[in-house]
Amino acid sequence: ADRLAGAGLAVPDAVRCGVSSSVRAVRSATLLITVLAVSALLM
């Protein structure tokens, strides 16, 4: 994997993991916002 990434043929592991974890964080935030909005509306 390191050899392919160094040759520009593979996505570096740090980049792929960083993007994937960031996308998961935004999805979690979306769910949290939805829950908070419903809770506020039901007050």
PDB file of all heavy atoms in Angstrom:
ATOM      1  N   ALA A   1       0.829  -1.209   0.000  1.00  0.00           N
ATOM      2  CA  ALA A   1       0.000   0.000   0.000  1.00  0.00           C
ATOM      3  C   ALA A   1       0.859   1.252   0.000  1.00  0.00           C
ATOM      4  O   ALA A   1       0.589   2.207  -0.740  1.00  0.00           O
ATOM      5  CB  ALA A   1      -0.923  -0.011   1.222  1.00  0.00           C
ATOM      6  N   ASP A   2       1.913   1.264   0.812  1.00  0.00           N
ATOM      7  CA  ASP A   2       2.796   2.434   0.863  1.00  0.00           C
ATOM      8  C   ASP A   2       3.496   2.657  -0.472  1.00  0.00           C
ATOM      9  O   ASP A   2       3.665   3.804  -0.910  1.00  0.00           O
ATOM     10  CB  ASP A   2       3.836   2.262   1.971  1.00  0.00           C
ATOM     11  CG  ASP A   2       3.213   2.300   3.363  1.00  0.00           C
ATOM     12  OD1 ASP A   2       2.086   2.819   3.490  1.00  0.00           O
ATOM     13  OD2 ASP A   2       3.857   1.813   4.317  1.00  0.00           O
ATOM     14  N   ARG A   3       3.901   1.582  -1.111  1.00  0.00           N
ATOM     15  CA  ARG A   3       4.581   1.714  -2.399  1.00  0.00           C
ATOM     16  C   ARG A   3       3.646   2.285  -3.467  1.00  0.00           C
ATOM     17  O   ARG A   3       4.023   3.169  -4.246  1.00  0.00           O
ATOM     18  CB  ARG A   3       5.116   0.350  -2.835  1.00  0.00           C
ATOM     19  CG  ARG A   3       5.951   0.404  -4.110  1.00  0.00           C
ATOM     20  CD  ARG A   3       6.676  -0.899  -4.350  1.00  0.00           C
ATOM     21  NE  ARG A   3       5.777  -2.010  -4.641  1.00  0.00           N
ATOM     22  CZ  ARG A   3       5.527  -3.017  -3.825  1.00  0.00           C
ATOM     23  NH1 ARG A   3       6.085  -3.057  -2.627  1.00  0.00           N
ATOM     24  NH2 ARG A   3       4.716  -3.992  -4.193  1.00  0.00           N
ATOM     25  N   LEU A   4       2.410   1.810  -3.474  1.00  0.00           N
ATOM     26  CA  LEU A   4       1.444   2.319  -4.448  1.00  0.00           C
ATOM     27  C   LEU A   4       1.068   3.762  -4.152  1.00  0.00           C
ATOM     28  O   LEU A   4       0.907   4.578  -5.070  1.00  0.00           O
ATOM     29  CB  LEU A   4       0.200   1.434  -4.452  1.00  0.00           C
ATOM     30  CG  LEU A   4       0.380   0.033  -5.039  1.00  0.00           C
ATOM     31  CD1 LEU A   4      -0.847  -0.820  -4.761  1.00  0.00           C
ATOM     32  CD2 LEU A   4       0.641   0.108  -6.539  1.00  0.00           C
ATOM     33  N   ALA A   5       0.931   4.100  -2.875  1.00  0.00           N
ATOM     34  CA  ALA A   5       0.621   5.478  -2.512  1.00  0.00           C
ATOM     35  C   ALA A   5       1.773   6.403  -2.876  1.00  0.00           C
ATOM     36  O   ALA A   5       1.571   7.529  -3.355  1.00  0.00           O
ATOM     37  CB  ALA A   5       0.303   5.572  -1.021  1.00  0.00           C
ATOM     38  N   GLY A   6       3.007   5.941  -2.672  1.00  0.00           N
ATOM     39  CA  GLY A   6       4.163   6.747  -3.022  1.00  0.00           C
ATOM     40  C   GLY A   6       4.276   6.988  -4.517  1.00  0.00           C
ATOM     41  O   GLY A   6       4.824   8.014  -4.945  1.00  0.00           O
ATOM     42  N   ALA A   7       3.745   6.052  -5.307  1.00  0.00           N
ATOM     43  CA  ALA A   7       3.758   6.208  -6.759  1.00  0.00           C
ATOM     44  C   ALA A   7       2.557   6.990  -7.270  1.00  0.00           C
ATOM     45  O   ALA A   7       2.413   7.196  -8.470  1.00  0.00           O
ATOM     46  CB  ALA A   7       3.796   4.835  -7.432  1.00  0.00           C
ATOM     47  N   GLY A   8       1.685   7.397  -6.353  1.00  0.00           N
ATOM     48  CA  GLY A   8       0.505   8.160  -6.767  1.00  0.00           C
ATOM     49  C   GLY A   8      -0.620   7.316  -7.311  1.00  0.00           C
ATOM     50  O   GLY A   8      -1.568   7.854  -7.903  1.00  0.00           O
ATOM     51  N   LEU A   9      -0.552   6.002  -7.127  1.00  0.00           N
ATOM     52  CA  LEU A   9      -1.575   5.108  -7.678  1.00  0.00           C
ATOM     53  C   LEU A   9      -2.649   4.733  -6.652  1.00  0.00           C
ATOM     54  O   LEU A   9      -3.750   4.335  -7.040  1.00  0.00           O
ATOM     55  CB  LEU A   9      -0.918   3.832  -8.218  1.00  0.00           C
ATOM     56  CG  LEU A   9       0.110   4.038  -9.331  1.00  0.00           C
ATOM     57  CD1 LEU A   9       0.708   2.702  -9.750  1.00  0.00           C
ATOM     58  CD2 LEU A   9      -0.516   4.743 -10.531  1.00  0.00           C
ATOM     59  N   ALA A  10      -2.329   4.841  -5.385  1.00  0.00           N
ATOM     60  CA  ALA A  10      -3.291   4.523  -4.326  1.00  0.00           C
ATOM     61  C   ALA A  10      -3.522   5.760  -3.468  1.00  0.00           C
ATOM     62  O   ALA A  10      -2.630   6.593  -3.304  1.00  0.00           O
ATOM     63  CB  ALA A  10      -2.783   3.367  -3.467  1.00  0.00           C
ATOM     64  N   VAL A  11      -4.723   5.876  -2.939  1.00  0.00           N
ATOM     65  CA  VAL A  11      -5.035   6.965  -2.016  1.00  0.00           C
ATOM     66  C   VAL A  11      -4.344   6.677  -0.694  1.00  0.00           C
ATOM     67  O   VAL A  11      -4.512   5.586  -0.136  1.00  0.00           O
ATOM     68  CB  VAL A  11      -6.556   7.086  -1.813  1.00  0.00           C
ATOM     69  CG1 VAL A  11      -6.873   8.171  -0.791  1.00  0.00           C
ATOM     70  CG2 VAL A  11      -7.246   7.381  -3.133  1.00  0.00           C
ATOM     71  N   PRO A  12      -3.539   7.613  -0.164  1.00  0.00           N
ATOM     72  CA  PRO A  12      -2.874   7.373   1.124  1.00  0.00           C
ATOM     73  C   PRO A  12      -3.881   7.026   2.209  1.00  0.00           C
ATOM     74  O   PRO A  12      -4.982   7.573   2.262  1.00  0.00           O
ATOM     75  CB  PRO A  12      -2.175   8.710   1.410  1.00  0.00           C
ATOM     76  CG  PRO A  12      -1.962   9.325   0.063  1.00  0.00           C
ATOM     77  CD  PRO A  12      -3.156   8.907  -0.751  1.00  0.00           C
ATOM     78  N   ASP A  13      -3.485   6.110   3.078  1.00  0.00           N
ATOM     79  CA  ASP A  13      -4.389   5.620   4.120  1.00  0.00           C
ATOM     80  C   ASP A  13      -4.876   6.749   5.022  1.00  0.00           C
ATOM     81  O   ASP A  13      -6.041   6.788   5.405  1.00  0.00           O
ATOM     82  CB  ASP A  13      -3.683   4.547   4.950  1.00  0.00           C
ATOM     83  CG  ASP A  13      -4.617   3.876   5.935  1.00  0.00           C
ATOM     84  OD1 ASP A  13      -5.582   3.221   5.504  1.00  0.00           O
ATOM     85  OD2 ASP A  13      -4.396   4.026   7.151  1.00  0.00           O
ATOM     86  N   ALA A  14      -3.967   7.681   5.358  1.00  0.00           N
ATOM     87  CA  ALA A  14      -4.357   8.780   6.242  1.00  0.00           C
ATOM     88  C   ALA A  14      -5.425   9.651   5.594  1.00  0.00           C
ATOM     89  O   ALA A  14      -6.351  10.132   6.259  1.00  0.00           O
ATOM     90  CB  ALA A  14      -3.134   9.619   6.601  1.00  0.00           C
ATOM     91  N   VAL A  15      -5.310   9.879   4.281  1.00  0.00           N
ATOM     92  CA  VAL A  15      -6.289  10.701   3.566  1.00  0.00           C
ATOM     93  C   VAL A  15      -7.633  10.000   3.520  1.00  0.00           C
ATOM     94  O   VAL A  15      -8.683  10.591   3.818  1.00  0.00           O
ATOM     95  CB  VAL A  15      -5.791  11.008   2.146  1.00  0.00           C
ATOM     96  CG1 VAL A  15      -6.894  11.670   1.322  1.00  0.00           C
ATOM     97  CG2 VAL A  15      -4.563  11.911   2.194  1.00  0.00           C
ATOM     98  N   ARG A  16      -7.630   8.717   3.170  1.00  0.00           N
ATOM     99  CA  ARG A  16      -8.891   7.984   3.054  1.00  0.00           C
ATOM    100  C   ARG A  16      -9.587   7.884   4.402  1.00  0.00           C
ATOM    101  O   ARG A  16     -10.803   8.092   4.508  1.00  0.00           O
ATOM    102  CB  ARG A  16      -8.619   6.591   2.484  1.00  0.00           C
ATOM    103  CG  ARG A  16      -9.886   5.801   2.164  1.00  0.00           C
ATOM    104  CD  ARG A  16      -9.589   4.433   1.582  1.00  0.00           C
ATOM    105  NE  ARG A  16      -8.784   3.637   2.486  1.00  0.00           N
ATOM    106  CZ  ARG A  16      -7.501   3.401   2.325  1.00  0.00           C
ATOM    107  NH1 ARG A  16      -6.863   3.913   1.298  1.00  0.00           N
ATOM    108  NH2 ARG A  16      -6.831   2.665   3.200  1.00  0.00           N
ATOM    109  N   CYS A  17      -8.814   7.568   5.448  1.00  0.00           N
ATOM    110  CA  CYS A  17      -9.421   7.450   6.784  1.00  0.00           C
ATOM    111  C   CYS A  17      -9.920   8.798   7.285  1.00  0.00           C
ATOM    112  O   CYS A  17     -10.969   8.881   7.930  1.00  0.00           O
ATOM    113  CB  CYS A  17      -8.410   6.863   7.759  1.00  0.00           C
ATOM    114  SG  CYS A  17      -7.990   5.136   7.444  1.00  0.00           S
ATOM    115  N   GLY A  18      -9.167   9.869   6.992  1.00  0.00           N
ATOM    116  CA  GLY A  18      -9.585  11.199   7.417  1.00  0.00           C
ATOM    117  C   GLY A  18     -10.887  11.626   6.774  1.00  0.00           C
ATOM    118  O   GLY A  18     -11.785  12.173   7.437  1.00  0.00           O
ATOM    119  N   VAL A  19     -11.013  11.369   5.492  1.00  0.00           N
ATOM    120  CA  VAL A  19     -12.248  11.726   4.788  1.00  0.00           C
ATOM    121  C   VAL A  19     -13.417  10.886   5.289  1.00  0.00           C
ATOM    122  O   VAL A  19     -14.508  11.400   5.561  1.00  0.00           O
ATOM    123  CB  VAL A  19     -12.068  11.554   3.267  1.00  0.00           C
ATOM    124  CG1 VAL A  19     -13.405  11.705   2.546  1.00  0.00           C
ATOM    125  CG2 VAL A  19     -11.069  12.578   2.728  1.00  0.00           C
ATOM    126  N   SER A  20     -13.199   9.584   5.428  1.00  0.00           N
ATOM    127  CA  SER A  20     -14.281   8.699   5.861  1.00  0.00           C
ATOM    128  C   SER A  20     -14.770   9.062   7.263  1.00  0.00           C
ATOM    129  O   SER A  20     -15.982   9.115   7.514  1.00  0.00           O
ATOM    130  CB  SER A  20     -13.805   7.240   5.838  1.00  0.00           C
ATOM    131  OG  SER A  20     -13.456   6.852   4.527  1.00  0.00           O
ATOM    132  N   SER A  21     -13.833   9.302   8.186  1.00  0.00           N
ATOM    133  CA  SER A  21     -14.237   9.641   9.549  1.00  0.00           C
ATOM    134  C   SER A  21     -14.929  10.999   9.605  1.00  0.00           C
ATOM    135  O   SER A  21     -15.869  11.200  10.389  1.00  0.00           O
ATOM    136  CB  SER A  21     -13.031   9.635  10.480  1.00  0.00           C
ATOM    137  OG  SER A  21     -12.074  10.603  10.082  1.00  0.00           O
ATOM    138  N   SER A  22     -14.510  11.935   8.745  1.00  0.00           N
ATOM    139  CA  SER A  22     -15.156  13.254   8.710  1.00  0.00           C
ATOM    140  C   SER A  22     -16.585  13.149   8.184  1.00  0.00           C
ATOM    141  O   SER A  22     -17.492  13.810   8.696  1.00  0.00           O
ATOM    142  CB  SER A  22     -14.339  14.209   7.841  1.00  0.00           C
ATOM    143  OG  SER A  22     -13.049  14.410   8.384  1.00  0.00           O
ATOM    144  N   VAL A  23     -16.780  12.327   7.183  1.00  0.00           N
ATOM    145  CA  VAL A  23     -18.136  12.128   6.652  1.00  0.00           C
ATOM    146  C   VAL A  23     -19.031  11.493   7.716  1.00  0.00           C
ATOM    147  O   VAL A  23     -20.198  11.876   7.886  1.00  0.00           O
ATOM    148  CB  VAL A  23     -18.093  11.267   5.374  1.00  0.00           C
ATOM    149  CG1 VAL A  23     -19.501  10.855   4.955  1.00  0.00           C
ATOM    150  CG2 VAL A  23     -17.416  12.029   4.242  1.00  0.00           C
ATOM    151  N   ARG A  24     -18.481  10.526   8.450  1.00  0.00           N
ATOM    152  CA  ARG A  24     -19.270   9.905   9.525  1.00  0.00           C
ATOM    153  C   ARG A  24     -19.622  10.923  10.604  1.00  0.00           C
ATOM    154  O   ARG A  24     -20.718  10.883  11.177  1.00  0.00           O
ATOM    155  CB  ARG A  24     -18.503   8.727  10.128  1.00  0.00           C
ATOM    156  CG  ARG A  24     -18.431   7.511   9.237  1.00  0.00           C
ATOM    157  CD  ARG A  24     -17.964   6.287  10.024  1.00  0.00           C
ATOM    158  NE  ARG A  24     -16.616   6.457  10.542  1.00  0.00           N
ATOM    159  CZ  ARG A  24     -15.513   6.098   9.883  1.00  0.00           C
ATOM    160  NH1 ARG A  24     -15.615   5.554   8.687  1.00  0.00           N
ATOM    161  NH2 ARG A  24     -14.326   6.265  10.430  1.00  0.00           N
ATOM    162  N   ALA A  25     -18.696  11.852  10.878  1.00  0.00           N
ATOM    163  CA  ALA A  25     -18.972  12.879  11.880  1.00  0.00           C
ATOM    164  C   ALA A  25     -20.113  13.787  11.440  1.00  0.00           C
ATOM    165  O   ALA A  25     -20.967  14.173  12.245  1.00  0.00           O
ATOM    166  CB  ALA A  25     -17.706  13.699  12.142  1.00  0.00           C
ATOM    167  N   VAL A  26     -20.149  14.141  10.156  1.00  0.00           N
ATOM    168  CA  VAL A  26     -21.231  14.989   9.654  1.00  0.00           C
ATOM    169  C   VAL A  26     -22.558  14.237   9.707  1.00  0.00           C
ATOM    170  O   VAL A  26     -23.600  14.818  10.047  1.00  0.00           O
ATOM    171  CB  VAL A  26     -20.929  15.461   8.221  1.00  0.00           C
ATOM    172  CG1 VAL A  26     -22.099  16.270   7.659  1.00  0.00           C
ATOM    173  CG2 VAL A  26     -19.665  16.322   8.198  1.00  0.00           C
ATOM    174  N   ARG A  27     -22.541  12.942   9.390  1.00  0.00           N
ATOM    175  CA  ARG A  27     -23.771  12.156   9.489  1.00  0.00           C
ATOM    176  C   ARG A  27     -24.272  12.098  10.929  1.00  0.00           C
ATOM    177  O   ARG A  27     -25.477  12.214  11.181  1.00  0.00           O
ATOM    178  CB  ARG A  27     -23.517  10.745   8.961  1.00  0.00           C
ATOM    179  CG  ARG A  27     -23.339  10.661   7.450  1.00  0.00           C
ATOM    180  CD  ARG A  27     -22.943   9.272   7.031  1.00  0.00           C
ATOM    181  NE  ARG A  27     -22.805   9.158   5.582  1.00  0.00           N
ATOM    182  CZ  ARG A  27     -22.189   8.160   4.977  1.00  0.00           C
ATOM    183  NH1 ARG A  27     -21.649   7.174   5.699  1.00  0.00           N
ATOM    184  NH2 ARG A  27     -22.092   8.135   3.658  1.00  0.00           N
ATOM    185  N   SER A  28     -23.346  11.922  11.861  1.00  0.00           N
ATOM    186  CA  SER A  28     -23.741  11.887  13.274  1.00  0.00           C
ATOM    187  C   SER A  28     -24.306  13.232  13.712  1.00  0.00           C
ATOM    188  O   SER A  28     -25.288  13.295  14.470  1.00  0.00           O
ATOM    189  CB  SER A  28     -22.537  11.522  14.147  1.00  0.00           C
ATOM    190  OG  SER A  28     -22.051  10.238  13.821  1.00  0.00           O
ATOM    191  N   ALA A  29     -23.689  14.309  13.228  1.00  0.00           N
ATOM    192  CA  ALA A  29     -24.192  15.639  13.555  1.00  0.00           C
ATOM    193  C   ALA A  29     -25.589  15.848  12.994  1.00  0.00           C
ATOM    194  O   ALA A  29     -26.450  16.459  13.644  1.00  0.00           O
ATOM    195  CB  ALA A  29     -23.235  16.707  13.027  1.00  0.00           C
ATOM    196  N   THR A  30     -25.829  15.356  11.787  1.00  0.00           N
ATOM    197  CA  THR A  30     -27.161  15.471  11.183  1.00  0.00           C
ATOM    198  C   THR A  30     -28.206  14.758  12.038  1.00  0.00           C
ATOM    199  O   THR A  30     -29.304  15.285  12.277  1.00  0.00           O
ATOM    200  CB  THR A  30     -27.149  14.875   9.767  1.00  0.00           C
ATOM    201  OG1 THR A  30     -26.172  15.560   8.975  1.00  0.00           O
ATOM    202  CG2 THR A  30     -28.514  15.020   9.103  1.00  0.00           C
ATOM    203  N   LEU A  31     -27.864  13.578  12.502  1.00  0.00           N
ATOM    204  CA  LEU A  31     -28.795  12.836  13.366  1.00  0.00           C
ATOM    205  C   LEU A  31     -29.017  13.575  14.683  1.00  0.00           C
ATOM    206  O   LEU A  31     -30.160  13.681  15.155  1.00  0.00           O
ATOM    207  CB  LEU A  31     -28.240  11.436  13.624  1.00  0.00           C
ATOM    208  CG  LEU A  31     -29.070  10.542  14.543  1.00  0.00           C
ATOM    209  CD1 LEU A  31     -30.459  10.307  13.968  1.00  0.00           C
ATOM    210  CD2 LEU A  31     -28.355   9.202  14.768  1.00  0.00           C
ATOM    211  N   LEU A  32     -27.946  14.105  15.254  1.00  0.00           N
ATOM    212  CA  LEU A  32     -28.070  14.838  16.518  1.00  0.00           C
ATOM    213  C   LEU A  32     -28.955  16.069  16.351  1.00  0.00           C
ATOM    214  O   LEU A  32     -29.820  16.356  17.202  1.00  0.00           O
ATOM    215  CB  LEU A  32     -26.686  15.251  17.015  1.00  0.00           C
ATOM    216  CG  LEU A  32     -26.654  16.130  18.268  1.00  0.00           C
ATOM    217  CD1 LEU A  32     -27.257  15.384  19.457  1.00  0.00           C
ATOM    218  CD2 LEU A  32     -25.229  16.584  18.576  1.00  0.00           C
ATOM    219  N   ILE A  33     -28.763  16.805  15.260  1.00  0.00           N
ATOM    220  CA  ILE A  33     -29.568  18.007  15.010  1.00  0.00           C
ATOM    221  C   ILE A  33     -31.040  17.633  14.887  1.00  0.00           C
ATOM    222  O   ILE A  33     -31.921  18.326  15.409  1.00  0.00           O
ATOM    223  CB  ILE A  33     -29.066  18.727  13.753  1.00  0.00           C
ATOM    224  CG1 ILE A  33     -27.665  19.290  13.992  1.00  0.00           C
ATOM    225  CG2 ILE A  33     -30.015  19.852  13.351  1.00  0.00           C
ATOM    226  CD1 ILE A  33     -26.974  19.744  12.715  1.00  0.00           C
ATOM    227  N   THR A  34     -31.309  16.553  14.195  1.00  0.00           N
ATOM    228  CA  THR A  34     -32.694  16.110  14.027  1.00  0.00           C
ATOM    229  C   THR A  34     -33.331  15.778  15.378  1.00  0.00           C
ATOM    230  O   THR A  34     -34.469  16.178  15.653  1.00  0.00           O
ATOM    231  CB  THR A  34     -32.750  14.885  13.104  1.00  0.00           C
ATOM    232  OG1 THR A  34     -32.150  15.207  11.845  1.00  0.00           O
ATOM    233  CG2 THR A  34     -34.190  14.441  12.881  1.00  0.00           C
ATOM    234  N   VAL A  35     -32.585  15.051  16.214  1.00  0.00           N
ATOM    235  CA  VAL A  35     -33.106  14.690  17.537  1.00  0.00           C
ATOM    236  C   VAL A  35     -33.346  15.938  18.385  1.00  0.00           C
ATOM    237  O   VAL A  35     -34.379  16.076  19.057  1.00  0.00           O
ATOM    238  CB  VAL A  35     -32.128  13.735  18.247  1.00  0.00           C
ATOM    239  CG1 VAL A  35     -32.551  13.517  19.701  1.00  0.00           C
ATOM    240  CG2 VAL A  35     -32.062  12.406  17.510  1.00  0.00           C
ATOM    241  N   LEU A  36     -32.390  16.876  18.350  1.00  0.00           N
ATOM    242  CA  LEU A  36     -32.540  18.107  19.133  1.00  0.00           C
ATOM    243  C   LEU A  36     -33.718  18.937  18.624  1.00  0.00           C
ATOM    244  O   LEU A  36     -34.460  19.537  19.422  1.00  0.00           O
ATOM    245  CB  LEU A  36     -31.248  18.927  19.064  1.00  0.00           C
ATOM    246  CG  LEU A  36     -30.039  18.331  19.811  1.00  0.00           C
ATOM    247  CD1 LEU A  36     -28.786  19.135  19.508  1.00  0.00           C
ATOM    248  CD2 LEU A  36     -30.303  18.275  21.307  1.00  0.00           C
ATOM    249  N   ALA A  37     -33.894  18.980  17.313  1.00  0.00           N
ATOM    250  CA  ALA A  37     -35.007  19.750  16.744  1.00  0.00           C
ATOM    251  C   ALA A  37     -36.343  19.162  17.163  1.00  0.00           C
ATOM    252  O   ALA A  37     -37.269  19.894  17.563  1.00  0.00           O
ATOM    253  CB  ALA A  37     -34.893  19.777  15.218  1.00  0.00           C
ATOM    254  N   VAL A  38     -36.480  17.846  17.099  1.00  0.00           N
ATOM    255  CA  VAL A  38     -37.728  17.198  17.503  1.00  0.00           C
ATOM    256  C   VAL A  38     -37.989  17.438  18.990  1.00  0.00           C
ATOM    257  O   VAL A  38     -39.121  17.728  19.399  1.00  0.00           O
ATOM    258  CB  VAL A  38     -37.667  15.694  17.184  1.00  0.00           C
ATOM    259  CG1 VAL A  38     -38.873  14.978  17.787  1.00  0.00           C
ATOM    260  CG2 VAL A  38     -37.616  15.466  15.677  1.00  0.00           C
ATOM    261  N   SER A  39     -36.919  17.335  19.786  1.00  0.00           N
ATOM    262  CA  SER A  39     -37.080  17.567  21.226  1.00  0.00           C
ATOM    263  C   SER A  39     -37.532  18.989  21.509  1.00  0.00           C
ATOM    264  O   SER A  39     -38.410  19.230  22.353  1.00  0.00           O
ATOM    265  CB  SER A  39     -35.755  17.287  21.943  1.00  0.00           C
ATOM    266  OG  SER A  39     -35.343  15.948  21.749  1.00  0.00           O
ATOM    267  N   ALA A  40     -36.955  19.965  20.790  1.00  0.00           N
ATOM    268  CA  ALA A  40     -37.340  21.364  21.000  1.00  0.00           C
ATOM    269  C   ALA A  40     -38.779  21.614  20.579  1.00  0.00           C
ATOM    270  O   ALA A  40     -39.523  22.351  21.237  1.00  0.00           O
ATOM    271  CB  ALA A  40     -36.387  22.275  20.225  1.00  0.00           C
ATOM    272  N   LEU A  41     -39.186  20.984  19.478  1.00  0.00           N
ATOM    273  CA  LEU A  41     -40.549  21.186  18.989  1.00  0.00           C
ATOM    274  C   LEU A  41     -41.591  20.549  19.912  1.00  0.00           C
ATOM    275  O   LEU A  41     -42.739  20.999  19.952  1.00  0.00           O
ATOM    276  CB  LEU A  41     -40.680  20.612  17.577  1.00  0.00           C
ATOM    277  CG  LEU A  41     -39.945  21.382  16.478  1.00  0.00           C
ATOM    278  CD1 LEU A  41     -39.956  20.596  15.178  1.00  0.00           C
ATOM    279  CD2 LEU A  41     -40.591  22.759  16.267  1.00  0.00           C
ATOM    280  N   LEU A  42     -41.197  19.515  20.621  1.00  0.00           N
ATOM    281  CA  LEU A  42     -42.136  18.824  21.503  1.00  0.00           C
ATOM    282  C   LEU A  42     -42.168  19.403  22.908  1.00  0.00           C
ATOM    283  O   LEU A  42     -42.926  18.927  23.753  1.00  0.00           O
ATOM    284  CB  LEU A  42     -41.779  17.336  21.578  1.00  0.00           C
ATOM    285  CG  LEU A  42     -41.963  16.531  20.279  1.00  0.00           C
ATOM    286  CD1 LEU A  42     -41.539  15.094  20.484  1.00  0.00           C
ATOM    287  CD2 LEU A  42     -43.399  16.608  19.784  1.00  0.00           C
ATOM    288  N   MET A  43     -41.348  20.418  23.140  1.00  0.00           N
ATOM    289  CA  MET A  43     -41.358  21.029  24.467  1.00  0.00           C
ATOM    290  C   MET A  43     -42.700  21.702  24.730  1.00  0.00           C
ATOM    291  O   MET A  43     -43.262  22.347  23.831  1.00  0.00           O
ATOM    292  CB  MET A  43     -40.236  22.073  24.581  1.00  0.00           C
ATOM    293  CG  MET A  43     -38.843  21.481  24.702  1.00  0.00           C
ATOM    294  SD  MET A  43     -37.617  22.790  24.905  1.00  0.00           S
ATOM    295  CE  MET A  43     -38.143  23.489  26.473  1.00  0.00           C
TER     296      MET A  43
END
